[in-house]
Amino acid sequence: MLDLSAVSVSYNGCELLRQTLQSVFRVTQGLNFEYIVIDNASYDDSVAMVRAEFPHVKLIANTENIGAAGAYNQGIQHSQGRYIVFLNPDTVLKEDVLAGLVQFMEAHPRAGAASPRVLWPDGHFQLGVGGFAAGPLSFLGHYFFLDRLSGGRVPAFLIQQRLYQSGPVQMDWLGAVCMIVRRAAFEEVGLFDERFFVYAEDTEWCDRARRAGWEIYYCPQFSVYHYLGGSSKADPDEVPQSTLWLESLDLYLRLRYGLKKTIILESIAALGTMMRLGLYAGAYLLHRRPHDRGKMQQMRKYSGALWHYIRNNLRPQATPASFS
């Protein structure tokens, strides 16, 4: 069996995908590995580029966009490695990251998954690499800055990576920007839930794995750079998400916890984004900085989306079945 299978899901990002492929082949010396690219019906030159420049890559070219979870599952089903690493097609890897993650998993037999620290191209930390289980405290920790104010002692649903830099630490979930998973964990808990078209499929899977007894690790001793569509944010605290993430979060919360707890958690998040909206609006009025204006617009969009989901969840409807 191979040591490692690398899986990337591409959609109209030819140049960034090329950069990721080049990066992976630079850092895999000594590893018995394969690379699988799932293309979700790109209409740019992604498929032609992979075929022409990386003929040794296993390419699956879908005729329609089946979403991230469905494409990840295709990659898993076509893979042969003892470990499977999911890589966004806009990442650049540091030299030791893949070999180091494999060695870490070998040394920790109950580790079901692990992720490195994720950096902007300028070296600042990104938000969203992972976090703690959804609950009132972890939502307060993130949306009201309690994690930062407490130096990480209050858990946050989305962690501030710089608060966890002393060594490997267990989290409740990880993001699939770069996430290595033990094949045995997939065999035990199942594949990604394809109800999640994009975002939160990694959160939900890690939740299932952790509840089955697998350990989930954040490993800051290894690093990847994440270009996020090629736009490097000037502010390291910029949240790499859209309202699509909030839509997937709403689905995850309803499936996992039911409507009552979902409404409570989304209300905390909505109040937190409104507080942030006020802070950024005040800062913009005082300093007229474009960044504050951009964050103000972003918080207005997020809080509006959250109140929309709260109103929808307050309407009478059938409660989705919980995950087992």
C-alpha atoms as a PDB file:
ATOM      1  CA  MET A   1       0.000   0.000   0.000  1.00  0.00           C
ATOM      2  CA  LEU A   2       1.184   3.529  -0.732  1.00  0.00           C
ATOM      3  CA  ASP A   3       2.234   5.810   2.113  1.00  0.00           C
ATOM      4  CA  LEU A   4       0.113   8.725   1.010  1.00  0.00           C
ATOM      5  CA  SER A   5      -2.584   9.789  -1.421  1.00  0.00           C
ATOM      6  CA  ALA A   6      -2.901  13.533  -2.056  1.00  0.00           C
ATOM      7  CA  VAL A   7      -6.336  14.707  -3.214  1.00  0.00           C
ATOM      8  CA  SER A   8      -7.170  18.149  -4.622  1.00  0.00           C
ATOM      9  CA  VAL A   9     -10.552  19.288  -5.917  1.00  0.00           C
ATOM     10  CA  SER A  10     -10.263  21.928  -8.627  1.00  0.00           C
ATOM     11  CA  TYR A  11     -12.725  24.332 -10.163  1.00  0.00           C
ATOM     12  CA  ASN A  12     -11.530  27.034 -12.570  1.00  0.00           C
ATOM     13  CA  GLY A  13      -8.211  27.788 -10.930  1.00  0.00           C
ATOM     14  CA  CYS A  14      -5.677  26.610 -13.484  1.00  0.00           C
ATOM     15  CA  GLU A  15      -2.689  28.750 -12.482  1.00  0.00           C
ATOM     16  CA  LEU A  16      -3.113  28.168  -8.758  1.00  0.00           C
ATOM     17  CA  LEU A  17      -3.619  24.437  -9.318  1.00  0.00           C
ATOM     18  CA  ARG A  18      -0.381  24.324 -11.320  1.00  0.00           C
ATOM     19  CA  GLN A  19       1.399  26.038  -8.434  1.00  0.00           C
ATOM     20  CA  THR A  20      -0.003  23.515  -5.948  1.00  0.00           C
ATOM     21  CA  LEU A  21       0.998  20.544  -8.092  1.00  0.00           C
ATOM     22  CA  GLN A  22       4.529  21.877  -8.486  1.00  0.00           C
ATOM     23  CA  SER A  23       4.714  22.494  -4.748  1.00  0.00           C
ATOM     24  CA  VAL A  24       3.636  18.959  -3.856  1.00  0.00           C
ATOM     25  CA  PHE A  25       6.105  17.277  -6.176  1.00  0.00           C
ATOM     26  CA  ARG A  26       8.899  19.401  -4.680  1.00  0.00           C
ATOM     27  CA  VAL A  27       8.253  18.155  -1.142  1.00  0.00           C
ATOM     28  CA  THR A  28       7.430  14.466  -1.588  1.00  0.00           C
ATOM     29  CA  GLN A  29      10.905  13.026  -2.053  1.00  0.00           C
ATOM     30  CA  GLY A  30      11.145   9.758  -0.138  1.00  0.00           C
ATOM     31  CA  LEU A  31       7.387   9.274   0.066  1.00  0.00           C
ATOM     32  CA  ASN A  32       5.634   6.505  -1.797  1.00  0.00           C
ATOM     33  CA  PHE A  33       2.648   8.567  -2.882  1.00  0.00           C
ATOM     34  CA  GLU A  34       0.066   9.330  -5.556  1.00  0.00           C
ATOM     35  CA  TYR A  35      -1.682  12.553  -6.503  1.00  0.00           C
ATOM     36  CA  ILE A  36      -5.362  12.578  -7.457  1.00  0.00           C
ATOM     37  CA  VAL A  37      -7.024  15.672  -8.928  1.00  0.00           C
ATOM     38  CA  ILE A  38     -10.807  15.785  -9.096  1.00  0.00           C
ATOM     39  CA  ASP A  39     -11.951  18.511 -11.481  1.00  0.00           C
ATOM     40  CA  ASN A  40     -15.508  19.691 -10.889  1.00  0.00           C
ATOM     41  CA  ALA A  41     -16.372  20.638 -14.489  1.00  0.00           C
ATOM     42  CA  SER A  42     -13.965  23.567 -14.845  1.00  0.00           C
ATOM     43  CA  TYR A  43     -14.440  25.651 -17.985  1.00  0.00           C
ATOM     44  CA  ASP A  44     -10.882  27.022 -17.959  1.00  0.00           C
ATOM     45  CA  ASP A  45      -7.724  25.111 -18.939  1.00  0.00           C
ATOM     46  CA  SER A  46      -7.355  23.148 -15.676  1.00  0.00           C
ATOM     47  CA  VAL A  47      -8.009  19.696 -17.140  1.00  0.00           C
ATOM     48  CA  ALA A  48      -5.839  20.265 -20.219  1.00  0.00           C
ATOM     49  CA  MET A  49      -3.024  21.641 -18.053  1.00  0.00           C
ATOM     50  CA  VAL A  50      -2.984  18.619 -15.751  1.00  0.00           C
ATOM     51  CA  ARG A  51      -3.042  16.193 -18.677  1.00  0.00           C
ATOM     52  CA  ALA A  52      -0.245  17.998 -20.527  1.00  0.00           C
ATOM     53  CA  GLU A  53       2.084  18.947 -17.678  1.00  0.00           C
ATOM     54  CA  PHE A  54       1.395  16.289 -15.012  1.00  0.00           C
ATOM     55  CA  PRO A  55       0.553  13.071 -16.886  1.00  0.00           C
ATOM     56  CA  HIS A  56       1.476  10.977 -13.818  1.00  0.00           C
ATOM     57  CA  VAL A  57      -1.371  12.581 -11.836  1.00  0.00           C
ATOM     58  CA  LYS A  58      -4.569  10.550 -11.600  1.00  0.00           C
ATOM     59  CA  LEU A  59      -7.159  12.934 -13.055  1.00  0.00           C
ATOM     60  CA  ILE A  60     -10.918  12.542 -12.695  1.00  0.00           C
ATOM     61  CA  ALA A  61     -12.727  15.112 -14.847  1.00  0.00           C
ATOM     62  CA  ASN A  62     -16.355  15.421 -13.774  1.00  0.00           C
ATOM     63  CA  THR A  63     -18.907  16.652 -16.288  1.00  0.00           C
ATOM     64  CA  GLU A  64     -20.786  18.561 -13.581  1.00  0.00           C
ATOM     65  CA  ASN A  65     -19.869  20.272 -10.334  1.00  0.00           C
ATOM     66  CA  ILE A  66     -20.758  17.754  -7.641  1.00  0.00           C
ATOM     67  CA  GLY A  67     -19.445  19.865  -4.772  1.00  0.00           C
ATOM     68  CA  ALA A  68     -16.502  19.485  -2.447  1.00  0.00           C
ATOM     69  CA  ALA A  69     -17.738  16.569  -0.341  1.00  0.00           C
ATOM     70  CA  GLY A  70     -18.763  14.497  -3.346  1.00  0.00           C
ATOM     71  CA  ALA A  71     -15.438  15.130  -5.091  1.00  0.00           C
ATOM     72  CA  TYR A  72     -13.443  14.350  -1.936  1.00  0.00           C
ATOM     73  CA  ASN A  73     -15.308  11.041  -1.716  1.00  0.00           C
ATOM     74  CA  GLN A  74     -14.393  10.265  -5.323  1.00  0.00           C
ATOM     75  CA  GLY A  75     -10.767  10.874  -4.438  1.00  0.00           C
ATOM     76  CA  ILE A  76     -10.952   8.611  -1.392  1.00  0.00           C
ATOM     77  CA  GLN A  77     -12.565   5.821  -3.388  1.00  0.00           C
ATOM     78  CA  HIS A  78      -9.833   6.017  -6.073  1.00  0.00           C
ATOM     79  CA  SER A  79      -6.966   6.301  -3.567  1.00  0.00           C
ATOM     80  CA  GLN A  80      -4.566   3.626  -2.325  1.00  0.00           C
ATOM     81  CA  GLY A  81      -2.620   5.337   0.455  1.00  0.00           C
ATOM     82  CA  ARG A  82      -2.581   4.467   4.136  1.00  0.00           C
ATOM     83  CA  TYR A  83      -3.086   8.203   4.647  1.00  0.00           C
ATOM     84  CA  ILE A  84      -5.028  10.652   2.505  1.00  0.00           C
ATOM     85  CA  VAL A  85      -4.156  14.337   2.532  1.00  0.00           C
ATOM     86  CA  PHE A  86      -6.686  16.846   1.211  1.00  0.00           C
ATOM     87  CA  LEU A  87      -5.082  19.933  -0.292  1.00  0.00           C
ATOM     88  CA  ASN A  88      -6.825  23.031  -1.531  1.00  0.00           C
ATOM     89  CA  PRO A  89      -5.718  23.756  -5.114  1.00  0.00           C
ATOM     90  CA  ASP A  90      -4.393  27.161  -4.012  1.00  0.00           C
ATOM     91  CA  THR A  91      -1.809  26.044  -1.469  1.00  0.00           C
ATOM     92  CA  VAL A  92       1.989  26.004  -1.412  1.00  0.00           C
ATOM     93  CA  LEU A  93       3.663  23.540   0.923  1.00  0.00           C
ATOM     94  CA  LYS A  94       6.778  24.014   3.015  1.00  0.00           C
ATOM     95  CA  GLU A  95       9.476  21.397   2.563  1.00  0.00           C
ATOM     96  CA  ASP A  96       8.745  19.097   5.504  1.00  0.00           C
ATOM     97  CA  VAL A  97       4.973  19.280   5.750  1.00  0.00           C
ATOM     98  CA  LEU A  98       3.798  16.050   4.067  1.00  0.00           C
ATOM     99  CA  ALA A  99       6.570  13.789   5.359  1.00  0.00           C
ATOM    100  CA  GLY A 100       6.199  15.411   8.773  1.00  0.00           C
ATOM    101  CA  LEU A 101       2.449  14.856   8.907  1.00  0.00           C
ATOM    102  CA  VAL A 102       2.883  11.204   7.911  1.00  0.00           C
ATOM    103  CA  GLN A 103       5.509  10.749  10.640  1.00  0.00           C
ATOM    104  CA  PHE A 104       3.224  12.438  13.166  1.00  0.00           C
ATOM    105  CA  MET A 105       0.354  10.096  12.294  1.00  0.00           C
ATOM    106  CA  GLU A 106       2.667   7.095  12.552  1.00  0.00           C
ATOM    107  CA  ALA A 107       3.719   8.200  16.040  1.00  0.00           C
ATOM    108  CA  HIS A 108       0.118   8.789  17.188  1.00  0.00           C
ATOM    109  CA  PRO A 109      -1.919   5.678  16.297  1.00  0.00           C
ATOM    110  CA  ARG A 110      -5.192   7.159  17.617  1.00  0.00           C
ATOM    111  CA  ALA A 111      -4.821  10.282  15.480  1.00  0.00           C
ATOM    112  CA  GLY A 112      -7.598  10.193  12.910  1.00  0.00           C
ATOM    113  CA  ALA A 113      -6.656  13.500  11.295  1.00  0.00           C
ATOM    114  CA  ALA A 114      -4.126  16.322  11.558  1.00  0.00           C
ATOM    115  CA  SER A 115      -3.580  19.727   9.965  1.00  0.00           C
ATOM    116  CA  PRO A 116      -0.624  22.133   9.851  1.00  0.00           C
ATOM    117  CA  ARG A 117      -0.778  25.841  10.518  1.00  0.00           C
ATOM    118  CA  VAL A 118      -2.178  27.765   7.544  1.00  0.00           C
ATOM    119  CA  LEU A 119      -0.585  31.060   6.530  1.00  0.00           C
ATOM    120  CA  TRP A 120      -1.330  33.860   4.136  1.00  0.00           C
ATOM    121  CA  PRO A 121       1.415  34.252   1.504  1.00  0.00           C
ATOM    122  CA  ASP A 122       2.822  37.128   3.590  1.00  0.00           C
ATOM    123  CA  GLY A 123       3.277  34.797   6.575  1.00  0.00           C
ATOM    124  CA  HIS A 124       0.365  35.948   8.733  1.00  0.00           C
ATOM    125  CA  PHE A 125      -1.935  33.361  10.289  1.00  0.00           C
ATOM    126  CA  GLN A 126      -5.251  32.562   8.643  1.00  0.00           C
ATOM    127  CA  LEU A 127      -8.445  31.961  10.546  1.00  0.00           C
ATOM    128  CA  GLY A 128     -10.439  28.796   9.996  1.00  0.00           C
ATOM    129  CA  VAL A 129      -7.839  26.025  10.254  1.00  0.00           C
ATOM    130  CA  GLY A 130      -9.986  24.384  12.930  1.00  0.00           C
ATOM    131  CA  GLY A 131     -11.636  24.846  16.276  1.00  0.00           C
ATOM    132  CA  PHE A 132     -13.713  23.403  19.075  1.00  0.00           C
ATOM    133  CA  ALA A 133     -17.140  21.797  19.185  1.00  0.00           C
ATOM    134  CA  ALA A 134     -20.122  24.036  18.473  1.00  0.00           C
ATOM    135  CA  GLY A 135     -21.656  25.273  21.712  1.00  0.00           C
ATOM    136  CA  PRO A 136     -22.557  28.515  23.493  1.00  0.00           C
ATOM    137  CA  LEU A 137     -19.081  28.910  25.014  1.00  0.00           C
ATOM    138  CA  SER A 138     -17.167  28.249  21.780  1.00  0.00           C
ATOM    139  CA  PHE A 139     -19.461  30.611  19.849  1.00  0.00           C
ATOM    140  CA  LEU A 140     -19.018  33.310  22.502  1.00  0.00           C
ATOM    141  CA  GLY A 141     -15.279  32.606  22.392  1.00  0.00           C
ATOM    142  CA  HIS A 142     -15.078  33.321  18.680  1.00  0.00           C
ATOM    143  CA  TYR A 143     -17.750  35.907  17.983  1.00  0.00           C
ATOM    144  CA  PHE A 144     -17.073  38.036  21.086  1.00  0.00           C
ATOM    145  CA  PHE A 145     -13.238  37.771  21.033  1.00  0.00           C
ATOM    146  CA  LEU A 146     -13.140  35.853  24.345  1.00  0.00           C
ATOM    147  CA  ASP A 147     -10.545  33.441  22.969  1.00  0.00           C
ATOM    148  CA  ARG A 148      -8.162  36.295  22.233  1.00  0.00           C
ATOM    149  CA  LEU A 149      -8.911  38.159  25.456  1.00  0.00           C
ATOM    150  CA  SER A 150      -8.253  34.975  27.468  1.00  0.00           C
ATOM    151  CA  GLY A 151      -5.122  33.985  25.541  1.00  0.00           C
ATOM    152  CA  GLY A 152      -6.817  30.846  24.265  1.00  0.00           C
ATOM    153  CA  ARG A 153      -8.181  29.661  27.614  1.00  0.00           C
ATOM    154  CA  VAL A 154     -11.742  30.121  26.363  1.00  0.00           C
ATOM    155  CA  PRO A 155     -12.346  27.732  23.454  1.00  0.00           C
ATOM    156  CA  ALA A 156     -13.434  29.201  20.158  1.00  0.00           C
ATOM    157  CA  PHE A 157     -15.383  27.583  17.356  1.00  0.00           C
ATOM    158  CA  LEU A 158     -12.822  29.090  14.954  1.00  0.00           C
ATOM    159  CA  ILE A 159      -9.396  29.194  16.585  1.00  0.00           C
ATOM    160  CA  GLN A 160      -6.862  31.982  16.467  1.00  0.00           C
ATOM    161  CA  GLN A 161      -3.832  29.961  15.360  1.00  0.00           C
ATOM    162  CA  ARG A 162      -1.297  32.222  17.000  1.00  0.00           C
ATOM    163  CA  LEU A 163      -2.704  31.229  20.410  1.00  0.00           C
ATOM    164  CA  TYR A 164      -1.704  27.584  19.854  1.00  0.00           C
ATOM    165  CA  GLN A 165       1.907  27.631  18.692  1.00  0.00           C
ATOM    166  CA  SER A 166       3.740  25.656  21.380  1.00  0.00           C
ATOM    167  CA  GLY A 167       3.221  22.231  19.788  1.00  0.00           C
ATOM    168  CA  PRO A 168       0.569  19.732  18.685  1.00  0.00           C
ATOM    169  CA  VAL A 169      -2.789  20.231  20.370  1.00  0.00           C
ATOM    170  CA  GLN A 170      -6.066  18.358  20.047  1.00  0.00           C
ATOM    171  CA  MET A 171      -8.942  20.203  18.437  1.00  0.00           C
ATOM    172  CA  ASP A 172     -12.514  19.100  17.793  1.00  0.00           C
ATOM    173  CA  TRP A 173     -12.399  19.766  14.059  1.00  0.00           C
ATOM    174  CA  LEU A 174     -10.024  20.843  11.294  1.00  0.00           C
ATOM    175  CA  GLY A 175     -10.376  22.578   7.952  1.00  0.00           C
ATOM    176  CA  ALA A 176      -9.512  20.700   4.765  1.00  0.00           C
ATOM    177  CA  VAL A 177      -7.168  23.369   3.386  1.00  0.00           C
ATOM    178  CA  CYS A 178      -4.529  20.783   4.251  1.00  0.00           C
ATOM    179  CA  MET A 179      -5.776  17.840   6.301  1.00  0.00           C
ATOM    180  CA  ILE A 180      -4.276  14.376   6.522  1.00  0.00           C
ATOM    181  CA  VAL A 181      -6.654  11.545   7.448  1.00  0.00           C
ATOM    182  CA  ARG A 182      -5.939   7.938   8.376  1.00  0.00           C
ATOM    183  CA  ARG A 183      -7.676   5.555   5.967  1.00  0.00           C
ATOM    184  CA  ALA A 184      -8.792   3.409   8.907  1.00  0.00           C
ATOM    185  CA  ALA A 185     -10.741   6.386  10.264  1.00  0.00           C
ATOM    186  CA  PHE A 186     -12.720   6.666   7.016  1.00  0.00           C
ATOM    187  CA  GLU A 187     -13.327   2.933   7.100  1.00  0.00           C
ATOM    188  CA  GLU A 188     -14.758   3.216  10.610  1.00  0.00           C
ATOM    189  CA  VAL A 189     -16.812   6.433  10.509  1.00  0.00           C
ATOM    190  CA  GLY A 190     -17.632   6.736   6.808  1.00  0.00           C
ATOM    191  CA  LEU A 191     -16.909   9.292   4.096  1.00  0.00           C
ATOM    192  CA  PHE A 192     -17.801  12.995   3.907  1.00  0.00           C
ATOM    193  CA  ASP A 193     -21.507  13.870   4.043  1.00  0.00           C
ATOM    194  CA  GLU A 194     -22.483  14.958   0.529  1.00  0.00           C
ATOM    195  CA  ARG A 195     -25.352  17.108   1.786  1.00  0.00           C
ATOM    196  CA  PHE A 196     -22.623  19.716   2.279  1.00  0.00           C
ATOM    197  CA  PHE A 197     -21.929  21.080  -1.194  1.00  0.00           C
ATOM    198  CA  VAL A 198     -19.110  23.339  -0.009  1.00  0.00           C
ATOM    199  CA  TYR A 199     -17.846  24.227   3.487  1.00  0.00           C
ATOM    200  CA  ALA A 200     -18.440  22.439   6.817  1.00  0.00           C
ATOM    201  CA  GLU A 201     -18.066  18.941   5.342  1.00  0.00           C
ATOM    202  CA  ASP A 202     -14.704  18.769   7.140  1.00  0.00           C
ATOM    203  CA  THR A 203     -16.236  20.090  10.389  1.00  0.00           C
ATOM    204  CA  GLU A 204     -18.978  17.471  10.318  1.00  0.00           C
ATOM    205  CA  TRP A 205     -16.629  14.606   9.460  1.00  0.00           C
ATOM    206  CA  CYS A 206     -14.182  15.495  12.247  1.00  0.00           C
ATOM    207  CA  ASP A 207     -17.100  15.646  14.674  1.00  0.00           C
ATOM    208  CA  ARG A 208     -18.112  12.100  13.754  1.00  0.00           C
ATOM    209  CA  ALA A 209     -14.519  10.860  13.971  1.00  0.00           C
ATOM    210  CA  ARG A 210     -13.920  12.456  17.369  1.00  0.00           C
ATOM    211  CA  ARG A 211     -17.124  11.002  18.797  1.00  0.00           C
ATOM    212  CA  ALA A 212     -15.991   7.586  17.520  1.00  0.00           C
ATOM    213  CA  GLY A 213     -12.815   7.906  19.602  1.00  0.00           C
ATOM    214  CA  TRP A 214     -10.323   9.271  17.067  1.00  0.00           C
ATOM    215  CA  GLU A 215      -8.033  12.154  18.013  1.00  0.00           C
ATOM    216  CA  ILE A 216      -7.938  15.329  15.888  1.00  0.00           C
ATOM    217  CA  TYR A 217      -4.689  17.340  15.977  1.00  0.00           C
ATOM    218  CA  TYR A 218      -3.534  20.803  15.003  1.00  0.00           C
ATOM    219  CA  CYS A 219       0.219  20.606  14.289  1.00  0.00           C
ATOM    220  CA  PRO A 220       1.783  24.095  14.139  1.00  0.00           C
ATOM    221  CA  GLN A 221       5.278  22.679  13.601  1.00  0.00           C
ATOM    222  CA  PHE A 222       4.310  22.262   9.919  1.00  0.00           C
ATOM    223  CA  SER A 223       3.072  25.007   7.588  1.00  0.00           C
ATOM    224  CA  VAL A 224       1.322  25.622   4.296  1.00  0.00           C
ATOM    225  CA  TYR A 225       0.610  28.875   2.478  1.00  0.00           C
ATOM    226  CA  HIS A 226      -2.974  29.383   1.351  1.00  0.00           C
ATOM    227  CA  TYR A 227      -3.652  31.874  -1.428  1.00  0.00           C
ATOM    228  CA  LEU A 228      -7.456  31.712  -1.110  1.00  0.00           C
ATOM    229  CA  GLY A 229      -8.248  32.307  -4.752  1.00  0.00           C
ATOM    230  CA  GLY A 230      -5.076  34.279  -5.229  1.00  0.00           C
ATOM    231  CA  SER A 231      -6.079  37.287  -3.106  1.00  0.00           C
ATOM    232  CA  SER A 232      -3.769  37.786  -0.168  1.00  0.00           C
ATOM    233  CA  LYS A 233      -5.533  39.698   2.564  1.00  0.00           C
ATOM    234  CA  ALA A 234      -3.687  42.599   4.090  1.00  0.00           C
ATOM    235  CA  ASP A 235      -5.204  41.882   7.501  1.00  0.00           C
ATOM    236  CA  PRO A 236      -4.341  38.503   9.083  1.00  0.00           C
ATOM    237  CA  ASP A 237      -7.691  38.488  10.906  1.00  0.00           C
ATOM    238  CA  GLU A 238      -9.719  38.617   7.689  1.00  0.00           C
ATOM    239  CA  VAL A 239     -12.213  35.740   7.842  1.00  0.00           C
ATOM    240  CA  PRO A 240     -11.829  33.460   4.797  1.00  0.00           C
ATOM    241  CA  GLN A 241     -15.503  32.664   4.428  1.00  0.00           C
ATOM    242  CA  SER A 242     -18.630  33.806   2.629  1.00  0.00           C
ATOM    243  CA  THR A 243     -22.295  33.474   3.373  1.00  0.00           C
ATOM    244  CA  LEU A 244     -21.978  30.026   1.747  1.00  0.00           C
ATOM    245  CA  TRP A 245     -20.020  29.007   4.854  1.00  0.00           C
ATOM    246  CA  LEU A 246     -22.864  30.317   7.052  1.00  0.00           C
ATOM    247  CA  GLU A 247     -25.376  28.332   4.991  1.00  0.00           C
ATOM    248  CA  SER A 248     -23.370  25.148   5.499  1.00  0.00           C
ATOM    249  CA  LEU A 249     -22.907  25.960   9.196  1.00  0.00           C
ATOM    250  CA  ASP A 250     -26.683  26.302   9.545  1.00  0.00           C
ATOM    251  CA  LEU A 251     -27.162  22.881   7.943  1.00  0.00           C
ATOM    252  CA  TYR A 252     -24.516  21.314  10.182  1.00  0.00           C
ATOM    253  CA  LEU A 253     -26.012  22.771  13.364  1.00  0.00           C
ATOM    254  CA  ARG A 254     -29.548  21.668  12.469  1.00  0.00           C
ATOM    255  CA  LEU A 255     -28.469  18.130  11.612  1.00  0.00           C
ATOM    256  CA  ARG A 256     -26.242  17.800  14.658  1.00  0.00           C
ATOM    257  CA  TYR A 257     -28.185  19.628  17.366  1.00  0.00           C
ATOM    258  CA  GLY A 258     -31.746  20.298  16.188  1.00  0.00           C
ATOM    259  CA  LEU A 259     -33.547  23.606  15.729  1.00  0.00           C
ATOM    260  CA  LYS A 260     -33.636  24.889  19.309  1.00  0.00           C
ATOM    261  CA  LYS A 261     -29.885  24.809  19.890  1.00  0.00           C
ATOM    262  CA  THR A 262     -29.244  26.012  16.336  1.00  0.00           C
ATOM    263  CA  ILE A 263     -31.318  29.135  16.971  1.00  0.00           C
ATOM    264  CA  ILE A 264     -29.414  29.804  20.217  1.00  0.00           C
ATOM    265  CA  LEU A 265     -26.010  29.411  18.563  1.00  0.00           C
ATOM    266  CA  GLU A 266     -26.923  31.447  15.489  1.00  0.00           C
ATOM    267  CA  SER A 267     -28.301  34.186  17.734  1.00  0.00           C
ATOM    268  CA  ILE A 268     -24.955  34.369  19.547  1.00  0.00           C
ATOM    269  CA  ALA A 269     -23.200  34.551  16.181  1.00  0.00           C
ATOM    270  CA  ALA A 270     -25.575  37.223  14.859  1.00  0.00           C
ATOM    271  CA  LEU A 271     -25.167  39.393  17.968  1.00  0.00           C
ATOM    272  CA  GLY A 272     -21.401  38.960  17.741  1.00  0.00           C
ATOM    273  CA  THR A 273     -21.275  40.037  14.105  1.00  0.00           C
ATOM    274  CA  MET A 274     -23.479  43.037  14.912  1.00  0.00           C
ATOM    275  CA  MET A 275     -21.090  43.999  17.710  1.00  0.00           C
ATOM    276  CA  ARG A 276     -18.208  43.749  15.259  1.00  0.00           C
ATOM    277  CA  LEU A 277     -20.184  45.796  12.751  1.00  0.00           C
ATOM    278  CA  GLY A 278     -20.481  48.563  15.327  1.00  0.00           C
ATOM    279  CA  LEU A 279     -16.786  48.403  16.183  1.00  0.00           C
ATOM    280  CA  TYR A 280     -15.665  48.577  12.566  1.00  0.00           C
ATOM    281  CA  ALA A 281     -18.180  51.323  11.778  1.00  0.00           C
ATOM    282  CA  GLY A 282     -16.832  53.388  14.680  1.00  0.00           C
ATOM    283  CA  ALA A 283     -13.245  52.779  13.600  1.00  0.00           C
ATOM    284  CA  TYR A 284     -14.078  53.796  10.040  1.00  0.00           C
ATOM    285  CA  LEU A 285     -15.745  57.014  11.153  1.00  0.00           C
ATOM    286  CA  LEU A 286     -12.677  57.850  13.250  1.00  0.00           C
ATOM    287  CA  HIS A 287      -9.910  56.862  10.845  1.00  0.00           C
ATOM    288  CA  ARG A 288     -11.502  56.433   7.378  1.00  0.00           C
ATOM    289  CA  ARG A 289      -9.403  53.332   6.712  1.00  0.00           C
ATOM    290  CA  PRO A 290     -10.533  51.223   3.721  1.00  0.00           C
ATOM    291  CA  HIS A 291      -9.949  48.052   5.746  1.00  0.00           C
ATOM    292  CA  ASP A 292     -12.466  49.118   8.398  1.00  0.00           C
ATOM    293  CA  ARG A 293     -15.018  49.943   5.715  1.00  0.00           C
ATOM    294  CA  GLY A 294     -14.514  46.521   4.110  1.00  0.00           C
ATOM    295  CA  LYS A 295     -14.885  44.725   7.437  1.00  0.00           C
ATOM    296  CA  MET A 296     -17.983  46.779   8.228  1.00  0.00           C
ATOM    297  CA  GLN A 297     -19.580  45.686   4.946  1.00  0.00           C
ATOM    298  CA  GLN A 298     -18.562  42.092   5.595  1.00  0.00           C
ATOM    299  CA  MET A 299     -20.094  42.050   9.092  1.00  0.00           C
ATOM    300  CA  ARG A 300     -23.307  43.592   7.762  1.00  0.00           C
ATOM    301  CA  LYS A 301     -23.545  40.802   5.186  1.00  0.00           C
ATOM    302  CA  TYR A 302     -22.815  38.076   7.766  1.00  0.00           C
ATOM    303  CA  SER A 303     -25.236  39.377  10.388  1.00  0.00           C
ATOM    304  CA  GLY A 304     -27.970  39.709   7.746  1.00  0.00           C
ATOM    305  CA  ALA A 305     -27.422  36.109   6.619  1.00  0.00           C
ATOM    306  CA  LEU A 306     -27.482  34.823  10.189  1.00  0.00           C
ATOM    307  CA  TRP A 307     -30.762  36.579  11.026  1.00  0.00           C
ATOM    308  CA  HIS A 308     -32.195  35.121   7.808  1.00  0.00           C
ATOM    309  CA  TYR A 309     -31.355  31.584   8.965  1.00  0.00           C
ATOM    310  CA  ILE A 310     -32.739  32.298  12.448  1.00  0.00           C
ATOM    311  CA  ARG A 311     -36.071  33.458  10.979  1.00  0.00           C
ATOM    312  CA  ASN A 312     -36.228  30.382   8.756  1.00  0.00           C
ATOM    313  CA  ASN A 313     -35.521  28.085  11.688  1.00  0.00           C
ATOM    314  CA  LEU A 314     -38.257  29.718  13.787  1.00  0.00           C
ATOM    315  CA  ARG A 315     -40.864  28.737  11.199  1.00  0.00           C
ATOM    316  CA  PRO A 316     -42.667  25.425  11.781  1.00  0.00           C
ATOM    317  CA  GLN A 317     -40.836  22.672   9.926  1.00  0.00           C
ATOM    318  CA  ALA A 318     -39.801  19.081  10.242  1.00  0.00           C
ATOM    319  CA  THR A 319     -36.683  18.670  12.346  1.00  0.00           C
ATOM    320  CA  PRO A 320     -33.881  16.943  10.415  1.00  0.00           C
ATOM    321  CA  ALA A 321     -32.721  13.599  11.724  1.00  0.00           C
ATOM    322  CA  SER A 322     -29.597  13.828  13.856  1.00  0.00           C
ATOM    323  CA  PHE A 323     -26.378  12.100  12.889  1.00  0.00           C
ATOM    324  CA  SER A 324     -25.813   8.785  14.609  1.00  0.00           C
END
